[in-house]
Amino acid sequence: MSIVRRSKTNIDETEAARLIDLAQSRTFTDTEIDAMAAADGSDLTDENLSEATRVYPVQTPEDVRDLRTRMGLSQAQFAQTFGLTLDTVQQYEQGRRRPSGPASTLLRVIEAEPDAVVRALKRR
């Protein structure tokens, strides 16, 4: 899918009308939002929240690259340090693969406590 760039003069009348409508839309207060959520049954109670399952979004290629560069490691160093293959790191950063399940969790732990991961891997 190619990226299409448009200038303001290229925007057709329908898109321009939608942008104007959005700019003129009403802003709701927190009280009004709470009342609407309660009315349609989508409000979250303490009970709902206690039963909810936390879902973490999968890291994007930029997230993986940013993590590695913040640590000052090359792709090869990052892979070797954390028990990944160089190919895996490259595929994550280039968007050909997305880390999921345990790999996504490992990246989150690396981001939060990289030294703990290194210590745990050295014990083996």
PDB file of N, CA and C in Angstrom:
ATOM      1  N   MET A   1       0.839  -1.170   0.000  1.00  0.00           N
ATOM      2  CA  MET A   1       0.000   0.000   0.000  1.00  0.00           C
ATOM      3  C   MET A   1       0.887   1.238   0.000  1.00  0.00           C
ATOM      4  N   SER A   2       0.691   2.087  -0.935  1.00  0.00           N
ATOM      5  CA  SER A   2       1.543   3.268  -1.045  1.00  0.00           C
ATOM      6  C   SER A   2       0.990   4.415  -0.199  1.00  0.00           C
ATOM      7  N   ILE A   3       1.864   5.309   0.176  1.00  0.00           N
ATOM      8  CA  ILE A   3       1.485   6.481   0.953  1.00  0.00           C
ATOM      9  C   ILE A   3       1.121   7.585  -0.015  1.00  0.00           C
ATOM     10  N   VAL A   4      -0.032   8.179   0.210  1.00  0.00           N
ATOM     11  CA  VAL A   4      -0.492   9.275  -0.638  1.00  0.00           C
ATOM     12  C   VAL A   4      -0.405  10.559   0.169  1.00  0.00           C
ATOM     13  N   ARG A   5       0.327  11.494  -0.332  1.00  0.00           N
ATOM     14  CA  ARG A   5       0.455  12.783   0.355  1.00  0.00           C
ATOM     15  C   ARG A   5      -0.380  13.805  -0.409  1.00  0.00           C
ATOM     16  N   ARG A   6      -1.099  14.611   0.366  1.00  0.00           N
ATOM     17  CA  ARG A   6      -1.956  15.616  -0.251  1.00  0.00           C
ATOM     18  C   ARG A   6      -1.695  16.975   0.369  1.00  0.00           C
ATOM     19  N   SER A   7      -1.829  17.995  -0.413  1.00  0.00           N
ATOM     20  CA  SER A   7      -1.768  19.341   0.127  1.00  0.00           C
ATOM     21  C   SER A   7      -3.200  19.771   0.418  1.00  0.00           C
ATOM     22  N   LYS A   8      -3.373  20.897   1.062  1.00  0.00           N
ATOM     23  CA  LYS A   8      -4.725  21.372   1.370  1.00  0.00           C
ATOM     24  C   LYS A   8      -5.544  21.593   0.106  1.00  0.00           C
ATOM     25  N   THR A   9      -4.884  21.972  -0.952  1.00  0.00           N
ATOM     26  CA  THR A   9      -5.623  22.214  -2.192  1.00  0.00           C
ATOM     27  C   THR A   9      -6.100  20.919  -2.843  1.00  0.00           C
ATOM     28  N   ASN A  10      -5.510  19.785  -2.465  1.00  0.00           N
ATOM     29  CA  ASN A  10      -5.904  18.506  -3.039  1.00  0.00           C
ATOM     30  C   ASN A  10      -7.039  17.826  -2.289  1.00  0.00           C
ATOM     31  N   ILE A  11      -7.352  18.292  -1.106  1.00  0.00           N
ATOM     32  CA  ILE A  11      -8.398  17.632  -0.325  1.00  0.00           C
ATOM     33  C   ILE A  11      -9.742  17.891  -0.999  1.00  0.00           C
ATOM     34  N   ASP A  12     -10.475  16.818  -1.239  1.00  0.00           N
ATOM     35  CA  ASP A  12     -11.763  17.001  -1.914  1.00  0.00           C
ATOM     36  C   ASP A  12     -12.797  17.576  -0.952  1.00  0.00           C
ATOM     37  N   GLU A  13     -13.946  17.968  -1.467  1.00  0.00           N
ATOM     38  CA  GLU A  13     -14.944  18.664  -0.659  1.00  0.00           C
ATOM     39  C   GLU A  13     -15.473  17.804   0.480  1.00  0.00           C
ATOM     40  N   THR A  14     -15.612  16.512   0.273  1.00  0.00           N
ATOM     41  CA  THR A  14     -16.120  15.632   1.328  1.00  0.00           C
ATOM     42  C   THR A  14     -15.167  15.598   2.504  1.00  0.00           C
ATOM     43  N   GLU A  15     -13.876  15.448   2.227  1.00  0.00           N
ATOM     44  CA  GLU A  15     -12.892  15.420   3.311  1.00  0.00           C
ATOM     45  C   GLU A  15     -12.841  16.765   4.021  1.00  0.00           C
ATOM     46  N   ALA A  16     -12.910  17.847   3.280  1.00  0.00           N
ATOM     47  CA  ALA A  16     -12.880  19.173   3.885  1.00  0.00           C
ATOM     48  C   ALA A  16     -14.090  19.365   4.791  1.00  0.00           C
ATOM     49  N   ALA A  17     -15.261  18.889   4.353  1.00  0.00           N
ATOM     50  CA  ALA A  17     -16.473  19.015   5.165  1.00  0.00           C
ATOM     51  C   ALA A  17     -16.337  18.207   6.461  1.00  0.00           C
ATOM     52  N   ARG A  18     -15.743  17.012   6.375  1.00  0.00           N
ATOM     53  CA  ARG A  18     -15.542  16.198   7.580  1.00  0.00           C
ATOM     54  C   ARG A  18     -14.593  16.889   8.555  1.00  0.00           C
ATOM     55  N   LEU A  19     -13.554  17.518   8.041  1.00  0.00           N
ATOM     56  CA  LEU A  19     -12.614  18.226   8.908  1.00  0.00           C
ATOM     57  C   LEU A  19     -13.289  19.408   9.595  1.00  0.00           C
ATOM     58  N   ILE A  20     -14.129  20.112   8.864  1.00  0.00           N
ATOM     59  CA  ILE A  20     -14.853  21.245   9.446  1.00  0.00           C
ATOM     60  C   ILE A  20     -15.804  20.756  10.520  1.00  0.00           C
ATOM     61  N   ASP A  21     -16.555  19.648  10.244  1.00  0.00           N
ATOM     62  CA  ASP A  21     -17.477  19.097  11.224  1.00  0.00           C
ATOM     63  C   ASP A  21     -16.743  18.707  12.505  1.00  0.00           C
ATOM     64  N   LEU A  22     -15.604  18.094  12.368  1.00  0.00           N
ATOM     65  CA  LEU A  22     -14.827  17.681  13.524  1.00  0.00           C
ATOM     66  C   LEU A  22     -14.375  18.886  14.334  1.00  0.00           C
ATOM     67  N   ALA A  23     -13.953  19.936  13.664  1.00  0.00           N
ATOM     68  CA  ALA A  23     -13.484  21.135  14.349  1.00  0.00           C
ATOM     69  C   ALA A  23     -14.624  21.815  15.107  1.00  0.00           C
ATOM     70  N   GLN A  24     -15.852  21.652  14.612  1.00  0.00           N
ATOM     71  CA  GLN A  24     -16.997  22.311  15.247  1.00  0.00           C
ATOM     72  C   GLN A  24     -17.733  21.400  16.220  1.00  0.00           C
ATOM     73  N   SER A  25     -17.250  20.190  16.385  1.00  0.00           N
ATOM     74  CA  SER A  25     -17.958  19.248  17.256  1.00  0.00           C
ATOM     75  C   SER A  25     -17.898  19.699  18.704  1.00  0.00           C
ATOM     76  N   ARG A  26     -18.917  19.300  19.440  1.00  0.00           N
ATOM     77  CA  ARG A  26     -19.061  19.675  20.837  1.00  0.00           C
ATOM     78  C   ARG A  26     -18.088  18.878  21.696  1.00  0.00           C
ATOM     79  N   THR A  27     -17.557  19.488  22.710  1.00  0.00           N
ATOM     80  CA  THR A  27     -16.695  18.817  23.675  1.00  0.00           C
ATOM     81  C   THR A  27     -17.543  18.473  24.894  1.00  0.00           C
ATOM     82  N   PHE A  28     -17.448  17.196  25.342  1.00  0.00           N
ATOM     83  CA  PHE A  28     -18.241  16.749  26.477  1.00  0.00           C
ATOM     84  C   PHE A  28     -17.443  16.858  27.761  1.00  0.00           C
ATOM     85  N   THR A  29     -18.174  17.114  28.854  1.00  0.00           N
ATOM     86  CA  THR A  29     -17.538  17.160  30.168  1.00  0.00           C
ATOM     87  C   THR A  29     -17.362  15.731  30.677  1.00  0.00           C
ATOM     88  N   ASP A  30     -16.548  15.566  31.715  1.00  0.00           N
ATOM     89  CA  ASP A  30     -16.356  14.242  32.315  1.00  0.00           C
ATOM     90  C   ASP A  30     -17.673  13.695  32.865  1.00  0.00           C
ATOM     91  N   THR A  31     -18.491  14.572  33.446  1.00  0.00           N
ATOM     92  CA  THR A  31     -19.781  14.146  34.004  1.00  0.00           C
ATOM     93  C   THR A  31     -20.690  13.634  32.896  1.00  0.00           C
ATOM     94  N   GLU A  32     -20.719  14.326  31.764  1.00  0.00           N
ATOM     95  CA  GLU A  32     -21.548  13.884  30.635  1.00  0.00           C
ATOM     96  C   GLU A  32     -21.045  12.550  30.071  1.00  0.00           C
ATOM     97  N   ILE A  33     -19.742  12.398  29.997  1.00  0.00           N
ATOM     98  CA  ILE A  33     -19.170  11.141  29.493  1.00  0.00           C
ATOM     99  C   ILE A  33     -19.523   9.998  30.433  1.00  0.00           C
ATOM    100  N   ASP A  34     -19.412  10.217  31.747  1.00  0.00           N
ATOM    101  CA  ASP A  34     -19.775   9.185  32.725  1.00  0.00           C
ATOM    102  C   ASP A  34     -21.246   8.807  32.593  1.00  0.00           C
ATOM    103  N   ALA A  35     -22.115   9.792  32.406  1.00  0.00           N
ATOM    104  CA  ALA A  35     -23.551   9.524  32.278  1.00  0.00           C
ATOM    105  C   ALA A  35     -23.837   8.724  31.005  1.00  0.00           C
ATOM    106  N   MET A  36     -23.172   9.054  29.905  1.00  0.00           N
ATOM    107  CA  MET A  36     -23.368   8.304  28.656  1.00  0.00           C
ATOM    108  C   MET A  36     -22.865   6.871  28.798  1.00  0.00           C
ATOM    109  N   ALA A  37     -21.738   6.690  29.478  1.00  0.00           N
ATOM    110  CA  ALA A  37     -21.194   5.346  29.676  1.00  0.00           C
ATOM    111  C   ALA A  37     -22.134   4.514  30.532  1.00  0.00           C
ATOM    112  N   ALA A  38     -22.705   5.116  31.578  1.00  0.00           N
ATOM    113  CA  ALA A  38     -23.642   4.395  32.429  1.00  0.00           C
ATOM    114  C   ALA A  38     -24.914   4.048  31.649  1.00  0.00           C
ATOM    115  N   ALA A  39     -25.359   4.945  30.802  1.00  0.00           N
ATOM    116  CA  ALA A  39     -26.586   4.720  30.033  1.00  0.00           C
ATOM    117  C   ALA A  39     -26.444   3.581  29.028  1.00  0.00           C
ATOM    118  N   ASP A  40     -25.283   3.447  28.424  1.00  0.00           N
ATOM    119  CA  ASP A  40     -25.130   2.372  27.422  1.00  0.00           C
ATOM    120  C   ASP A  40     -24.449   1.121  27.990  1.00  0.00           C
ATOM    121  N   GLY A  41     -24.224   1.113  29.305  1.00  0.00           N
ATOM    122  CA  GLY A  41     -23.675  -0.078  29.945  1.00  0.00           C
ATOM    123  C   GLY A  41     -22.179  -0.266  29.760  1.00  0.00           C
ATOM    124  N   SER A  42     -21.466   0.755  29.323  1.00  0.00           N
ATOM    125  CA  SER A  42     -20.026   0.610  29.091  1.00  0.00           C
ATOM    126  C   SER A  42     -19.183   1.247  30.188  1.00  0.00           C
ATOM    127  N   ASP A  43     -19.832   1.582  31.318  1.00  0.00           N
ATOM    128  CA  ASP A  43     -19.047   2.159  32.405  1.00  0.00           C
ATOM    129  C   ASP A  43     -18.299   1.058  33.140  1.00  0.00           C
ATOM    130  N   LEU A  44     -17.143   1.397  33.670  1.00  0.00           N
ATOM    131  CA  LEU A  44     -16.316   0.436  34.381  1.00  0.00           C
ATOM    132  C   LEU A  44     -16.446   0.661  35.874  1.00  0.00           C
ATOM    133  N   THR A  45     -16.897  -0.359  36.561  1.00  0.00           N
ATOM    134  CA  THR A  45     -16.993  -0.293  38.012  1.00  0.00           C
ATOM    135  C   THR A  45     -15.727  -0.912  38.595  1.00  0.00           C
ATOM    136  N   ASP A  46     -15.558  -0.784  39.907  1.00  0.00           N
ATOM    137  CA  ASP A  46     -14.411  -1.419  40.562  1.00  0.00           C
ATOM    138  C   ASP A  46     -14.462  -2.929  40.356  1.00  0.00           C
ATOM    139  N   GLU A  47     -15.674  -3.484  40.361  1.00  0.00           N
ATOM    140  CA  GLU A  47     -15.828  -4.927  40.148  1.00  0.00           C
ATOM    141  C   GLU A  47     -15.400  -5.314  38.735  1.00  0.00           C
ATOM    142  N   ASN A  48     -15.826  -4.518  37.720  1.00  0.00           N
ATOM    143  CA  ASN A  48     -15.406  -4.790  36.344  1.00  0.00           C
ATOM    144  C   ASN A  48     -13.886  -4.758  36.230  1.00  0.00           C
ATOM    145  N   LEU A  49     -13.290  -3.745  36.838  1.00  0.00           N
ATOM    146  CA  LEU A  49     -11.842  -3.592  36.724  1.00  0.00           C
ATOM    147  C   LEU A  49     -11.091  -4.719  37.414  1.00  0.00           C
ATOM    148  N   SER A  50     -11.623  -5.213  38.544  1.00  0.00           N
ATOM    149  CA  SER A  50     -10.934  -6.287  39.254  1.00  0.00           C
ATOM    150  C   SER A  50     -10.982  -7.592  38.466  1.00  0.00           C
ATOM    151  N   GLU A  51     -11.976  -7.749  37.600  1.00  0.00           N
ATOM    152  CA  GLU A  51     -12.109  -8.962  36.790  1.00  0.00           C
ATOM    153  C   GLU A  51     -11.455  -8.824  35.416  1.00  0.00           C
ATOM    154  N   ALA A  52     -11.004  -7.631  35.106  1.00  0.00           N
ATOM    155  CA  ALA A  52     -10.440  -7.382  33.775  1.00  0.00           C
ATOM    156  C   ALA A  52      -9.083  -8.039  33.619  1.00  0.00           C
ATOM    157  N   THR A  53      -8.774  -8.405  32.397  1.00  0.00           N
ATOM    158  CA  THR A  53      -7.474  -8.968  32.073  1.00  0.00           C
ATOM    159  C   THR A  53      -6.633  -7.882  31.436  1.00  0.00           C
ATOM    160  N   ARG A  54      -5.427  -7.699  31.951  1.00  0.00           N
ATOM    161  CA  ARG A  54      -4.535  -6.687  31.389  1.00  0.00           C
ATOM    162  C   ARG A  54      -3.979  -7.197  30.065  1.00  0.00           C
ATOM    163  N   VAL A  55      -4.078  -6.374  29.051  1.00  0.00           N
ATOM    164  CA  VAL A  55      -3.562  -6.720  27.730  1.00  0.00           C
ATOM    165  C   VAL A  55      -2.515  -5.686  27.354  1.00  0.00           C
ATOM    166  N   TYR A  56      -1.338  -6.183  27.023  1.00  0.00           N
ATOM    167  CA  TYR A  56      -0.256  -5.289  26.640  1.00  0.00           C
ATOM    168  C   TYR A  56      -0.178  -5.245  25.121  1.00  0.00           C
ATOM    169  N   PRO A  57      -0.063  -4.061  24.544  1.00  0.00           N
ATOM    170  CA  PRO A  57       0.071  -4.003  23.084  1.00  0.00           C
ATOM    171  C   PRO A  57       1.417  -4.582  22.645  1.00  0.00           C
ATOM    172  N   VAL A  58       1.414  -5.193  21.475  1.00  0.00           N
ATOM    173  CA  VAL A  58       2.636  -5.768  20.918  1.00  0.00           C
ATOM    174  C   VAL A  58       3.547  -4.623  20.506  1.00  0.00           C
ATOM    175  N   GLN A  59       4.842  -4.785  20.734  1.00  0.00           N
ATOM    176  CA  GLN A  59       5.796  -3.741  20.393  1.00  0.00           C
ATOM    177  C   GLN A  59       5.863  -3.542  18.878  1.00  0.00           C
ATOM    178  N   THR A  60       6.013  -2.297  18.502  1.00  0.00           N
ATOM    179  CA  THR A  60       6.189  -1.946  17.095  1.00  0.00           C
ATOM    180  C   THR A  60       7.668  -2.063  16.739  1.00  0.00           C
ATOM    181  N   PRO A  61       7.986  -2.064  15.444  1.00  0.00           N
ATOM    182  CA  PRO A  61       9.403  -2.059  15.060  1.00  0.00           C
ATOM    183  C   PRO A  61      10.165  -0.892  15.696  1.00  0.00           C
ATOM    184  N   GLU A  62       9.516   0.251  15.794  1.00  0.00           N
ATOM    185  CA  GLU A  62      10.168   1.418  16.389  1.00  0.00           C
ATOM    186  C   GLU A  62      10.433   1.202  17.874  1.00  0.00           C
ATOM    187  N   ASP A  63       9.496   0.531  18.570  1.00  0.00           N
ATOM    188  CA  ASP A  63       9.687   0.244  19.994  1.00  0.00           C
ATOM    189  C   ASP A  63      10.927  -0.617  20.215  1.00  0.00           C
ATOM    190  N   VAL A  64      11.065  -1.658  19.396  1.00  0.00           N
ATOM    191  CA  VAL A  64      12.198  -2.575  19.536  1.00  0.00           C
ATOM    192  C   VAL A  64      13.502  -1.833  19.233  1.00  0.00           C
ATOM    193  N   ARG A  65      13.512  -1.061  18.154  1.00  0.00           N
ATOM    194  CA  ARG A  65      14.713  -0.311  17.774  1.00  0.00           C
ATOM    195  C   ARG A  65      15.069   0.712  18.847  1.00  0.00           C
ATOM    196  N   ASP A  66      14.058   1.418  19.373  1.00  0.00           N
ATOM    197  CA  ASP A  66      14.311   2.429  20.405  1.00  0.00           C
ATOM    198  C   ASP A  66      14.885   1.795  21.671  1.00  0.00           C
ATOM    199  N   LEU A  67      14.349   0.641  22.066  1.00  0.00           N
ATOM    200  CA  LEU A  67      14.860  -0.062  23.235  1.00  0.00           C
ATOM    201  C   LEU A  67      16.331  -0.402  23.045  1.00  0.00           C
ATOM    202  N   ARG A  68      16.642  -0.971  21.897  1.00  0.00           N
ATOM    203  CA  ARG A  68      18.028  -1.379  21.628  1.00  0.00           C
ATOM    204  C   ARG A  68      18.958  -0.169  21.596  1.00  0.00           C
ATOM    205  N   THR A  69      18.552   0.892  20.917  1.00  0.00           N
ATOM    206  CA  THR A  69      19.436   2.062  20.797  1.00  0.00           C
ATOM    207  C   THR A  69      19.594   2.786  22.136  1.00  0.00           C
ATOM    208  N   ARG A  70      18.543   2.803  22.967  1.00  0.00           N
ATOM    209  CA  ARG A  70      18.675   3.417  24.306  1.00  0.00           C
ATOM    210  C   ARG A  70      19.703   2.669  25.132  1.00  0.00           C
ATOM    211  N   MET A  71      19.823   1.377  24.878  1.00  0.00           N
ATOM    212  CA  MET A  71      20.798   0.570  25.609  1.00  0.00           C
ATOM    213  C   MET A  71      22.189   0.690  25.000  1.00  0.00           C
ATOM    214  N   GLY A  72      22.299   1.343  23.851  1.00  0.00           N
ATOM    215  CA  GLY A  72      23.587   1.543  23.207  1.00  0.00           C
ATOM    216  C   GLY A  72      24.170   0.279  22.602  1.00  0.00           C
ATOM    217  N   LEU A  73      23.303  -0.635  22.168  1.00  0.00           N
ATOM    218  CA  LEU A  73      23.763  -1.909  21.619  1.00  0.00           C
ATOM    219  C   LEU A  73      23.466  -2.008  20.124  1.00  0.00           C
ATOM    220  N   SER A  74      24.358  -2.686  19.418  1.00  0.00           N
ATOM    221  CA  SER A  74      24.081  -3.006  18.024  1.00  0.00           C
ATOM    222  C   SER A  74      23.041  -4.127  18.012  1.00  0.00           C
ATOM    223  N   GLN A  75      22.505  -4.426  16.838  1.00  0.00           N
ATOM    224  CA  GLN A  75      21.556  -5.530  16.739  1.00  0.00           C
ATOM    225  C   GLN A  75      22.205  -6.835  17.196  1.00  0.00           C
ATOM    226  N   ALA A  76      23.435  -7.063  16.760  1.00  0.00           N
ATOM    227  CA  ALA A  76      24.136  -8.299  17.117  1.00  0.00           C
ATOM    228  C   ALA A  76      24.382  -8.366  18.627  1.00  0.00           C
ATOM    229  N   GLN A  77      24.794  -7.255  19.239  1.00  0.00           N
ATOM    230  CA  GLN A  77      25.043  -7.234  20.676  1.00  0.00           C
ATOM    231  C   GLN A  77      23.754  -7.467  21.466  1.00  0.00           C
ATOM    232  N   PHE A  78      22.673  -6.818  21.024  1.00  0.00           N
ATOM    233  CA  PHE A  78      21.384  -6.976  21.692  1.00  0.00           C
ATOM    234  C   PHE A  78      20.935  -8.433  21.632  1.00  0.00           C
ATOM    235  N   ALA A  79      21.042  -9.022  20.448  1.00  0.00           N
ATOM    236  CA  ALA A  79      20.648 -10.423  20.266  1.00  0.00           C
ATOM    237  C   ALA A  79      21.461 -11.330  21.173  1.00  0.00           C
ATOM    238  N   GLN A  80      22.768 -11.158  21.177  1.00  0.00           N
ATOM    239  CA  GLN A  80      23.640 -12.023  21.975  1.00  0.00           C
ATOM    240  C   GLN A  80      23.405 -11.832  23.468  1.00  0.00           C
ATOM    241  N   THR A  81      23.233 -10.608  23.901  1.00  0.00           N
ATOM    242  CA  THR A  81      23.044 -10.313  25.317  1.00  0.00           C
ATOM    243  C   THR A  81      21.774 -10.943  25.873  1.00  0.00           C
ATOM    244  N   PHE A  82      20.708 -10.937  25.063  1.00  0.00           N
ATOM    245  CA  PHE A  82      19.410 -11.366  25.573  1.00  0.00           C
ATOM    246  C   PHE A  82      18.909 -12.688  24.988  1.00  0.00           C
ATOM    247  N   GLY A  83      19.805 -13.455  24.382  1.00  0.00           N
ATOM    248  CA  GLY A  83      19.452 -14.795  23.937  1.00  0.00           C
ATOM    249  C   GLY A  83      18.547 -14.860  22.727  1.00  0.00           C
ATOM    250  N   LEU A  84      18.632 -13.864  21.879  1.00  0.00           N
ATOM    251  CA  LEU A  84      17.855 -13.840  20.642  1.00  0.00           C
ATOM    252  C   LEU A  84      18.794 -14.090  19.469  1.00  0.00           C
ATOM    253  N   THR A  85      18.233 -14.392  18.326  1.00  0.00           N
ATOM    254  CA  THR A  85      19.083 -14.486  17.141  1.00  0.00           C
ATOM    255  C   THR A  85      19.142 -13.116  16.475  1.00  0.00           C
ATOM    256  N   LEU A  86      20.209 -12.862  15.763  1.00  0.00           N
ATOM    257  CA  LEU A  86      20.347 -11.604  15.040  1.00  0.00           C
ATOM    258  C   LEU A  86      19.204 -11.458  14.040  1.00  0.00           C
ATOM    259  N   ASP A  87      18.857 -12.551  13.368  1.00  0.00           N
ATOM    260  CA  ASP A  87      17.768 -12.522  12.390  1.00  0.00           C
ATOM    261  C   ASP A  87      16.449 -12.094  13.040  1.00  0.00           C
ATOM    262  N   THR A  88      16.186 -12.586  14.236  1.00  0.00           N
ATOM    263  CA  THR A  88      14.947 -12.226  14.937  1.00  0.00           C
ATOM    264  C   THR A  88      14.916 -10.734  15.226  1.00  0.00           C
ATOM    265  N   VAL A  89      16.001 -10.188  15.760  1.00  0.00           N
ATOM    266  CA  VAL A  89      16.055  -8.751  16.064  1.00  0.00           C
ATOM    267  C   VAL A  89      15.863  -7.938  14.787  1.00  0.00           C
ATOM    268  N   GLN A  90      16.531  -8.331  13.716  1.00  0.00           N
ATOM    269  CA  GLN A  90      16.392  -7.619  12.438  1.00  0.00           C
ATOM    270  C   GLN A  90      14.948  -7.664  11.943  1.00  0.00           C
ATOM    271  N   GLN A  91      14.320  -8.831  12.038  1.00  0.00           N
ATOM    272  CA  GLN A  91      12.938  -8.951  11.567  1.00  0.00           C
ATOM    273  C   GLN A  91      11.983  -8.118  12.416  1.00  0.00           C
ATOM    274  N   TYR A  92      12.201  -8.064  13.729  1.00  0.00           N
ATOM    275  CA  TYR A  92      11.371  -7.212  14.583  1.00  0.00           C
ATOM    276  C   TYR A  92      11.520  -5.750  14.195  1.00  0.00           C
ATOM    277  N   GLU A  93      12.762  -5.312  14.015  1.00  0.00           N
ATOM    278  CA  GLU A  93      13.009  -3.901  13.722  1.00  0.00           C
ATOM    279  C   GLU A  93      12.563  -3.502  12.318  1.00  0.00           C
ATOM    280  N   GLN A  94      12.554  -4.437  11.403  1.00  0.00           N
ATOM    281  CA  GLN A  94      12.130  -4.138  10.030  1.00  0.00           C
ATOM    282  C   GLN A  94      10.643  -4.391   9.816  1.00  0.00           C
ATOM    283  N   GLY A  95       9.950  -4.845  10.839  1.00  0.00           N
ATOM    284  CA  GLY A  95       8.515  -5.044  10.761  1.00  0.00           C
ATOM    285  C   GLY A  95       8.071  -6.304  10.029  1.00  0.00           C
ATOM    286  N   ARG A  96       9.013  -7.204   9.742  1.00  0.00           N
ATOM    287  CA  ARG A  96       8.634  -8.442   9.058  1.00  0.00           C
ATOM    288  C   ARG A  96       8.030  -9.442  10.032  1.00  0.00           C
ATOM    289  N   ARG A  97       8.348  -9.295  11.318  1.00  0.00           N
ATOM    290  CA  ARG A  97       7.771 -10.119  12.378  1.00  0.00           C
ATOM    291  C   ARG A  97       7.432  -9.216  13.545  1.00  0.00           C
ATOM    292  N   ARG A  98       6.422  -9.605  14.307  1.00  0.00           N
ATOM    293  CA  ARG A  98       6.053  -8.868  15.514  1.00  0.00           C
ATOM    294  C   ARG A  98       6.288  -9.766  16.717  1.00  0.00           C
ATOM    295  N   PRO A  99       6.945  -9.282  17.750  1.00  0.00           N
ATOM    296  CA  PRO A  99       7.144 -10.108  18.939  1.00  0.00           C
ATOM    297  C   PRO A  99       5.795 -10.359  19.606  1.00  0.00           C
ATOM    298  N   SER A 100       5.509 -11.608  19.912  1.00  0.00           N
ATOM    299  CA  SER A 100       4.247 -11.915  20.578  1.00  0.00           C
ATOM    300  C   SER A 100       4.501 -12.916  21.687  1.00  0.00           C
ATOM    301  N   GLY A 101       3.533 -13.066  22.559  1.00  0.00           N
ATOM    302  CA  GLY A 101       3.642 -14.028  23.654  1.00  0.00           C
ATOM    303  C   GLY A 101       4.898 -13.822  24.482  1.00  0.00           C
ATOM    304  N   PRO A 102       5.678 -14.893  24.674  1.00  0.00           N
ATOM    305  CA  PRO A 102       6.869 -14.806  25.518  1.00  0.00           C
ATOM    306  C   PRO A 102       7.900 -13.798  25.010  1.00  0.00           C
ATOM    307  N   ALA A 103       8.041 -13.653  23.700  1.00  0.00           N
ATOM    308  CA  ALA A 103       9.021 -12.702  23.163  1.00  0.00           C
ATOM    309  C   ALA A 103       8.637 -11.272  23.522  1.00  0.00           C
ATOM    310  N   SER A 104       7.359 -10.970  23.446  1.00  0.00           N
ATOM    311  CA  SER A 104       6.887  -9.635  23.806  1.00  0.00           C
ATOM    312  C   SER A 104       7.105  -9.385  25.296  1.00  0.00           C
ATOM    313  N   THR A 105       6.820 -10.396  26.099  1.00  0.00           N
ATOM    314  CA  THR A 105       7.037 -10.279  27.545  1.00  0.00           C
ATOM    315  C   THR A 105       8.513 -10.086  27.858  1.00  0.00           C
ATOM    316  N   LEU A 106       9.373 -10.857  27.191  1.00  0.00           N
ATOM    317  CA  LEU A 106      10.817 -10.710  27.401  1.00  0.00           C
ATOM    318  C   LEU A 106      11.263  -9.288  27.082  1.00  0.00           C
ATOM    319  N   LEU A 107      10.793  -8.726  25.990  1.00  0.00           N
ATOM    320  CA  LEU A 107      11.179  -7.353  25.631  1.00  0.00           C
ATOM    321  C   LEU A 107      10.701  -6.356  26.684  1.00  0.00           C
ATOM    322  N   ARG A 108       9.530  -6.587  27.259  1.00  0.00           N
ATOM    323  CA  ARG A 108       9.036  -5.694  28.314  1.00  0.00           C
ATOM    324  C   ARG A 108       9.920  -5.790  29.567  1.00  0.00           C
ATOM    325  N   VAL A 109      10.333  -7.010  29.899  1.00  0.00           N
ATOM    326  CA  VAL A 109      11.205  -7.185  31.060  1.00  0.00           C
ATOM    327  C   VAL A 109      12.577  -6.572  30.784  1.00  0.00           C
ATOM    328  N   ILE A 110      13.086  -6.756  29.565  1.00  0.00           N
ATOM    329  CA  ILE A 110      14.370  -6.140  29.194  1.00  0.00           C
ATOM    330  C   ILE A 110      14.280  -4.631  29.347  1.00  0.00           C
ATOM    331  N   GLU A 111      13.159  -4.060  28.926  1.00  0.00           N
ATOM    332  CA  GLU A 111      12.992  -2.609  29.024  1.00  0.00           C
ATOM    333  C   GLU A 111      12.958  -2.152  30.483  1.00  0.00           C
ATOM    334  N   ALA A 112      12.295  -2.915  31.342  1.00  0.00           N
ATOM    335  CA  ALA A 112      12.151  -2.524  32.742  1.00  0.00           C
ATOM    336  C   ALA A 112      13.378  -2.866  33.585  1.00  0.00           C
ATOM    337  N   GLU A 113      13.935  -4.061  33.373  1.00  0.00           N
ATOM    338  CA  GLU A 113      15.037  -4.543  34.218  1.00  0.00           C
ATOM    339  C   GLU A 113      16.060  -5.325  33.387  1.00  0.00           C
ATOM    340  N   PRO A 114      16.807  -4.650  32.522  1.00  0.00           N
ATOM    341  CA  PRO A 114      17.742  -5.373  31.663  1.00  0.00           C
ATOM    342  C   PRO A 114      18.806  -6.142  32.449  1.00  0.00           C
ATOM    343  N   ASP A 115      19.260  -5.592  33.561  1.00  0.00           N
ATOM    344  CA  ASP A 115      20.290  -6.281  34.352  1.00  0.00           C
ATOM    345  C   ASP A 115      19.767  -7.591  34.932  1.00  0.00           C
ATOM    346  N   ALA A 116      18.497  -7.610  35.322  1.00  0.00           N
ATOM    347  CA  ALA A 116      17.900  -8.832  35.866  1.00  0.00           C
ATOM    348  C   ALA A 116      17.878  -9.923  34.804  1.00  0.00           C
ATOM    349  N   VAL A 117      17.571  -9.551  33.572  1.00  0.00           N
ATOM    350  CA  VAL A 117      17.539 -10.527  32.486  1.00  0.00           C
ATOM    351  C   VAL A 117      18.943 -11.063  32.247  1.00  0.00           C
ATOM    352  N   VAL A 118      19.926 -10.197  32.217  1.00  0.00           N
ATOM    353  CA  VAL A 118      21.313 -10.612  32.003  1.00  0.00           C
ATOM    354  C   VAL A 118      21.747 -11.563  33.121  1.00  0.00           C
ATOM    355  N   ARG A 119      21.439 -11.217  34.374  1.00  0.00           N
ATOM    356  CA  ARG A 119      21.799 -12.080  35.508  1.00  0.00           C
ATOM    357  C   ARG A 119      21.119 -13.442  35.392  1.00  0.00           C
ATOM    358  N   ALA A 120      19.840 -13.438  35.031  1.00  0.00           N
ATOM    359  CA  ALA A 120      19.106 -14.702  34.920  1.00  0.00           C
ATOM    360  C   ALA A 120      19.675 -15.570  33.807  1.00  0.00           C
ATOM    361  N   LEU A 121      20.062 -14.969  32.704  1.00  0.00           N
ATOM    362  CA  LEU A 121      20.613 -15.746  31.589  1.00  0.00           C
ATOM    363  C   LEU A 121      22.013 -16.264  31.882  1.00  0.00           C
ATOM    364  N   LYS A 122      22.794 -15.549  32.687  1.00  0.00           N
ATOM    365  CA  LYS A 122      24.147 -15.982  33.021  1.00  0.00           C
ATOM    366  C   LYS A 122      24.147 -17.169  33.972  1.00  0.00           C
ATOM    367  N   ARG A 123      23.085 -17.362  34.710  1.00  0.00           N
ATOM    368  CA  ARG A 123      23.014 -18.455  35.673  1.00  0.00           C
ATOM    369  C   ARG A 123      22.946 -19.813  34.989  1.00  0.00           C
ATOM    370  N   ARG A 124      22.604 -19.839  33.733  1.00  0.00           N
ATOM    371  CA  ARG A 124      22.408 -21.119  33.034  1.00  0.00           C
ATOM    372  C   ARG A 124      23.703 -21.718  32.674  1.00  0.00           C
TER     373      ARG A 124
END
